[in-house]
Amino acid sequence: MSKRGFERKNVKVEARFFYGSSIPSCKIKNISESGMCIISEIRHSLNSIVSVIIPSGKKMMDFPVKIIRMEAGNNCNLLGVKVLSPTSEYLEFVDSL
């Protein structure tokens, strides 16, 4: 039996974080209706709430996520995040992948 409520899709999607006064880039490694795994060069605190920006066609999707897991590496960090309020636009984006 799987621990996840939704199937994760392996992807390579460029994204950005709103993190303080900076907007560093990151990469989405996998994504589901409720969360994603993100590769970031910046370390974040567990339980932090940050905004993720994903380009979608000609516009940008911006939504809040909560960092629920982090694995620190030498050059990058893997972040497990939960999408706090998945919008219909976000769910359609996940479905389109």
N, C-alpha and C. Protein backbone atom coordinates (compact mmCIF):
# COMPACT_ATOMS: atom_id res chain seq x y z
N MET A 1 0.84 -1.19 0.00
CA MET A 1 0.00 0.00 0.00
C MET A 1 0.88 1.24 0.00
N SER A 2 0.58 2.21 -0.83
CA SER A 2 1.37 3.42 -0.97
C SER A 2 1.05 4.41 0.15
N LYS A 3 2.09 5.15 0.60
CA LYS A 3 1.90 6.18 1.61
C LYS A 3 1.34 7.46 1.00
N ARG A 4 1.49 7.66 -0.28
CA ARG A 4 1.07 8.89 -0.94
C ARG A 4 -0.40 8.83 -1.35
N GLY A 5 -1.05 9.97 -1.23
CA GLY A 5 -2.45 10.06 -1.63
C GLY A 5 -2.62 10.23 -3.13
N PHE A 6 -1.58 10.80 -3.79
CA PHE A 6 -1.64 11.05 -5.23
C PHE A 6 -0.37 10.55 -5.88
N GLU A 7 -0.49 10.09 -7.12
CA GLU A 7 0.67 9.62 -7.87
C GLU A 7 1.58 10.79 -8.23
N ARG A 8 2.87 10.61 -8.02
CA ARG A 8 3.86 11.63 -8.40
C ARG A 8 4.27 11.40 -9.85
N LYS A 9 4.41 12.51 -10.59
CA LYS A 9 4.87 12.45 -11.98
C LYS A 9 6.28 13.00 -12.04
N ASN A 10 7.20 12.23 -12.62
CA ASN A 10 8.57 12.71 -12.80
C ASN A 10 8.59 13.78 -13.88
N VAL A 11 9.17 14.92 -13.57
CA VAL A 11 9.21 16.05 -14.50
C VAL A 11 10.56 16.76 -14.37
N LYS A 12 10.81 17.65 -15.28
CA LYS A 12 11.95 18.58 -15.20
C LYS A 12 11.38 19.95 -15.53
N VAL A 13 10.89 20.64 -14.51
CA VAL A 13 10.24 21.93 -14.70
C VAL A 13 11.03 22.99 -13.96
N GLU A 14 11.38 24.05 -14.66
CA GLU A 14 12.04 25.19 -14.03
C GLU A 14 11.01 25.98 -13.25
N ALA A 15 11.40 26.46 -12.08
CA ALA A 15 10.51 27.25 -11.25
C ALA A 15 11.34 28.26 -10.45
N ARG A 16 10.68 29.04 -9.63
CA ARG A 16 11.34 30.01 -8.76
C ARG A 16 10.63 30.03 -7.41
N PHE A 17 11.38 30.47 -6.38
CA PHE A 17 10.83 30.67 -5.04
C PHE A 17 10.75 32.16 -4.74
N PHE A 18 9.73 32.58 -4.02
CA PHE A 18 9.79 33.86 -3.32
C PHE A 18 10.41 33.52 -1.98
N TYR A 19 11.61 33.98 -1.73
CA TYR A 19 12.30 33.65 -0.49
C TYR A 19 12.94 34.92 0.05
N GLY A 20 12.28 35.54 1.02
CA GLY A 20 12.77 36.82 1.53
C GLY A 20 12.70 37.85 0.42
N SER A 21 13.82 38.52 0.18
CA SER A 21 13.85 39.53 -0.88
C SER A 21 14.39 38.98 -2.19
N SER A 22 14.75 37.70 -2.22
CA SER A 22 15.29 37.11 -3.44
C SER A 22 14.28 36.16 -4.09
N ILE A 23 14.53 35.88 -5.36
CA ILE A 23 13.68 34.93 -6.10
C ILE A 23 14.60 33.94 -6.80
N PRO A 24 15.21 33.00 -6.03
CA PRO A 24 16.13 32.05 -6.65
C PRO A 24 15.42 31.03 -7.53
N SER A 25 16.14 30.52 -8.51
CA SER A 25 15.56 29.49 -9.37
C SER A 25 15.69 28.12 -8.69
N CYS A 26 14.87 27.20 -9.14
CA CYS A 26 14.89 25.83 -8.63
C CYS A 26 14.34 24.93 -9.73
N LYS A 27 14.39 23.64 -9.51
CA LYS A 27 13.85 22.68 -10.48
C LYS A 27 12.90 21.74 -9.76
N ILE A 28 11.76 21.50 -10.39
CA ILE A 28 10.81 20.54 -9.85
C ILE A 28 11.18 19.17 -10.40
N LYS A 29 11.44 18.25 -9.49
CA LYS A 29 11.85 16.89 -9.87
C LYS A 29 10.64 15.99 -10.10
N ASN A 30 9.66 16.08 -9.20
CA ASN A 30 8.41 15.36 -9.41
C ASN A 30 7.28 16.16 -8.79
N ILE A 31 6.06 15.87 -9.24
CA ILE A 31 4.91 16.69 -8.86
C ILE A 31 3.66 15.84 -8.76
N SER A 32 2.76 16.22 -7.88
CA SER A 32 1.46 15.56 -7.76
C SER A 32 0.41 16.62 -7.45
N GLU A 33 -0.81 16.20 -7.27
CA GLU A 33 -1.89 17.13 -6.97
C GLU A 33 -1.72 17.80 -5.60
N SER A 34 -0.95 17.16 -4.72
CA SER A 34 -0.82 17.71 -3.37
C SER A 34 0.56 18.22 -3.02
N GLY A 35 1.58 17.94 -3.85
CA GLY A 35 2.91 18.39 -3.49
C GLY A 35 3.92 18.12 -4.58
N MET A 36 5.19 18.37 -4.24
CA MET A 36 6.26 18.17 -5.21
C MET A 36 7.59 18.03 -4.50
N CYS A 37 8.56 17.55 -5.25
CA CYS A 37 9.94 17.48 -4.80
C CYS A 37 10.70 18.50 -5.63
N ILE A 38 11.41 19.40 -4.94
CA ILE A 38 12.09 20.51 -5.59
C ILE A 38 13.57 20.44 -5.28
N ILE A 39 14.40 20.70 -6.30
CA ILE A 39 15.85 20.80 -6.13
C ILE A 39 16.20 22.27 -6.05
N SER A 40 16.86 22.66 -4.95
CA SER A 40 17.18 24.07 -4.72
C SER A 40 18.61 24.19 -4.21
N GLU A 41 19.29 25.26 -4.59
CA GLU A 41 20.63 25.52 -4.07
C GLU A 41 20.56 26.18 -2.69
N ILE A 42 19.42 26.72 -2.35
CA ILE A 42 19.26 27.42 -1.08
C ILE A 42 18.63 26.50 -0.05
N ARG A 43 19.17 26.52 1.17
CA ARG A 43 18.56 25.75 2.25
C ARG A 43 17.39 26.52 2.82
N HIS A 44 16.36 25.79 3.14
CA HIS A 44 15.15 26.38 3.71
C HIS A 44 14.87 25.70 5.03
N SER A 45 14.13 26.33 5.88
CA SER A 45 13.77 25.75 7.17
C SER A 45 12.53 24.88 7.01
N LEU A 46 12.53 23.76 7.74
CA LEU A 46 11.34 22.91 7.74
C LEU A 46 10.15 23.71 8.24
N ASN A 47 9.01 23.40 7.73
CA ASN A 47 7.74 24.04 8.06
C ASN A 47 7.64 25.49 7.60
N SER A 48 8.63 25.97 6.82
CA SER A 48 8.54 27.31 6.23
C SER A 48 7.46 27.30 5.16
N ILE A 49 6.81 28.44 5.01
CA ILE A 49 5.85 28.60 3.93
C ILE A 49 6.45 29.61 2.96
N VAL A 50 6.61 29.18 1.71
CA VAL A 50 7.18 30.02 0.66
C VAL A 50 6.27 29.95 -0.56
N SER A 51 6.43 30.88 -1.46
CA SER A 51 5.67 30.85 -2.71
C SER A 51 6.53 30.27 -3.82
N VAL A 52 5.95 29.41 -4.62
CA VAL A 52 6.61 28.84 -5.79
C VAL A 52 5.98 29.45 -7.03
N ILE A 53 6.82 29.81 -7.98
CA ILE A 53 6.35 30.39 -9.24
C ILE A 53 6.72 29.43 -10.36
N ILE A 54 5.72 29.02 -11.13
CA ILE A 54 5.94 28.11 -12.26
C ILE A 54 5.44 28.79 -13.53
N PRO A 55 6.29 28.89 -14.56
CA PRO A 55 5.80 29.43 -15.82
C PRO A 55 4.82 28.44 -16.47
N SER A 56 3.70 28.95 -16.92
CA SER A 56 2.69 28.11 -17.56
C SER A 56 2.16 28.85 -18.78
N GLY A 57 2.68 28.49 -19.93
CA GLY A 57 2.30 29.20 -21.14
C GLY A 57 2.81 30.63 -21.09
N LYS A 58 1.93 31.58 -21.29
CA LYS A 58 2.33 32.99 -21.28
C LYS A 58 2.20 33.62 -19.90
N LYS A 59 1.71 32.88 -18.92
CA LYS A 59 1.56 33.46 -17.59
C LYS A 59 2.32 32.64 -16.55
N MET A 60 2.38 33.17 -15.35
CA MET A 60 3.09 32.53 -14.25
C MET A 60 2.08 32.11 -13.18
N MET A 61 2.21 30.87 -12.72
CA MET A 61 1.40 30.42 -11.59
C MET A 61 2.20 30.69 -10.33
N ASP A 62 1.55 31.19 -9.31
CA ASP A 62 2.18 31.52 -8.04
C ASP A 62 1.31 30.93 -6.94
N PHE A 63 1.88 30.07 -6.09
CA PHE A 63 1.08 29.45 -5.05
C PHE A 63 1.94 29.14 -3.83
N PRO A 64 1.33 29.13 -2.63
CA PRO A 64 2.08 28.85 -1.41
C PRO A 64 2.27 27.35 -1.19
N VAL A 65 3.46 27.02 -0.67
CA VAL A 65 3.77 25.64 -0.30
C VAL A 65 4.40 25.63 1.09
N LYS A 66 4.30 24.50 1.75
CA LYS A 66 4.93 24.32 3.06
C LYS A 66 6.02 23.28 2.91
N ILE A 67 7.22 23.59 3.39
CA ILE A 67 8.33 22.65 3.30
C ILE A 67 8.17 21.61 4.41
N ILE A 68 7.96 20.36 4.01
CA ILE A 68 7.70 19.31 5.00
C ILE A 68 8.85 18.30 5.11
N ARG A 69 9.80 18.38 4.16
CA ARG A 69 10.95 17.46 4.20
C ARG A 69 12.12 18.14 3.51
N MET A 70 13.32 17.91 4.04
CA MET A 70 14.50 18.47 3.39
C MET A 70 15.68 17.51 3.54
N GLU A 71 16.38 17.28 2.43
CA GLU A 71 17.61 16.50 2.44
C GLU A 71 18.70 17.41 1.91
N ALA A 72 19.65 17.73 2.78
CA ALA A 72 20.74 18.62 2.38
C ALA A 72 21.84 17.83 1.69
N GLY A 73 22.34 18.39 0.58
CA GLY A 73 23.44 17.79 -0.15
C GLY A 73 24.59 18.77 -0.26
N ASN A 74 25.66 18.38 -0.94
CA ASN A 74 26.82 19.25 -1.10
C ASN A 74 26.51 20.47 -1.96
N ASN A 75 25.88 20.26 -3.09
CA ASN A 75 25.63 21.36 -4.03
C ASN A 75 24.17 21.74 -4.16
N CYS A 76 23.28 20.90 -3.63
CA CYS A 76 21.86 21.21 -3.75
C CYS A 76 21.09 20.55 -2.62
N ASN A 77 19.86 20.96 -2.48
CA ASN A 77 18.97 20.43 -1.44
C ASN A 77 17.70 19.92 -2.10
N LEU A 78 17.21 18.80 -1.60
CA LEU A 78 15.92 18.27 -2.05
C LEU A 78 14.88 18.69 -1.04
N LEU A 79 13.84 19.32 -1.52
CA LEU A 79 12.77 19.79 -0.65
C LEU A 79 11.48 19.08 -1.00
N GLY A 80 10.85 18.49 -0.02
CA GLY A 80 9.52 17.94 -0.18
C GLY A 80 8.54 19.00 0.28
N VAL A 81 7.66 19.43 -0.60
CA VAL A 81 6.73 20.50 -0.24
C VAL A 81 5.29 20.06 -0.45
N LYS A 82 4.42 20.61 0.37
CA LYS A 82 2.99 20.38 0.26
C LYS A 82 2.36 21.65 -0.27
N VAL A 83 1.56 21.52 -1.33
CA VAL A 83 0.83 22.67 -1.88
C VAL A 83 -0.32 22.95 -0.92
N LEU A 84 -0.36 24.17 -0.38
CA LEU A 84 -1.32 24.47 0.68
C LEU A 84 -2.76 24.57 0.19
N SER A 85 -2.99 25.20 -0.91
CA SER A 85 -4.36 25.33 -1.45
C SER A 85 -4.30 25.15 -2.96
N PRO A 86 -4.27 23.89 -3.41
CA PRO A 86 -4.18 23.67 -4.86
C PRO A 86 -5.34 24.32 -5.61
N THR A 87 -5.02 25.22 -6.51
CA THR A 87 -6.05 25.88 -7.31
C THR A 87 -6.41 25.00 -8.50
N SER A 88 -7.51 25.32 -9.15
CA SER A 88 -7.88 24.56 -10.34
C SER A 88 -6.82 24.72 -11.42
N GLU A 89 -6.20 25.90 -11.50
CA GLU A 89 -5.13 26.14 -12.48
C GLU A 89 -3.94 25.21 -12.21
N TYR A 90 -3.57 25.06 -10.93
CA TYR A 90 -2.47 24.16 -10.56
C TYR A 90 -2.83 22.72 -10.91
N LEU A 91 -4.03 22.28 -10.55
CA LEU A 91 -4.46 20.90 -10.81
C LEU A 91 -4.50 20.61 -12.31
N GLU A 92 -4.95 21.57 -13.10
CA GLU A 92 -4.95 21.40 -14.56
C GLU A 92 -3.52 21.30 -15.09
N PHE A 93 -2.60 22.09 -14.51
CA PHE A 93 -1.20 22.02 -14.91
C PHE A 93 -0.63 20.62 -14.63
N VAL A 94 -0.88 20.10 -13.45
CA VAL A 94 -0.39 18.75 -13.09
C VAL A 94 -1.00 17.72 -14.03
N ASP A 95 -2.29 17.82 -14.31
CA ASP A 95 -2.95 16.89 -15.22
C ASP A 95 -2.35 16.92 -16.63
N SER A 96 -1.87 18.11 -17.04
CA SER A 96 -1.35 18.27 -18.40
C SER A 96 0.04 17.65 -18.58
N LEU A 97 0.69 17.31 -17.50
CA LEU A 97 2.06 16.77 -17.59
C LEU A 97 2.06 15.29 -17.89
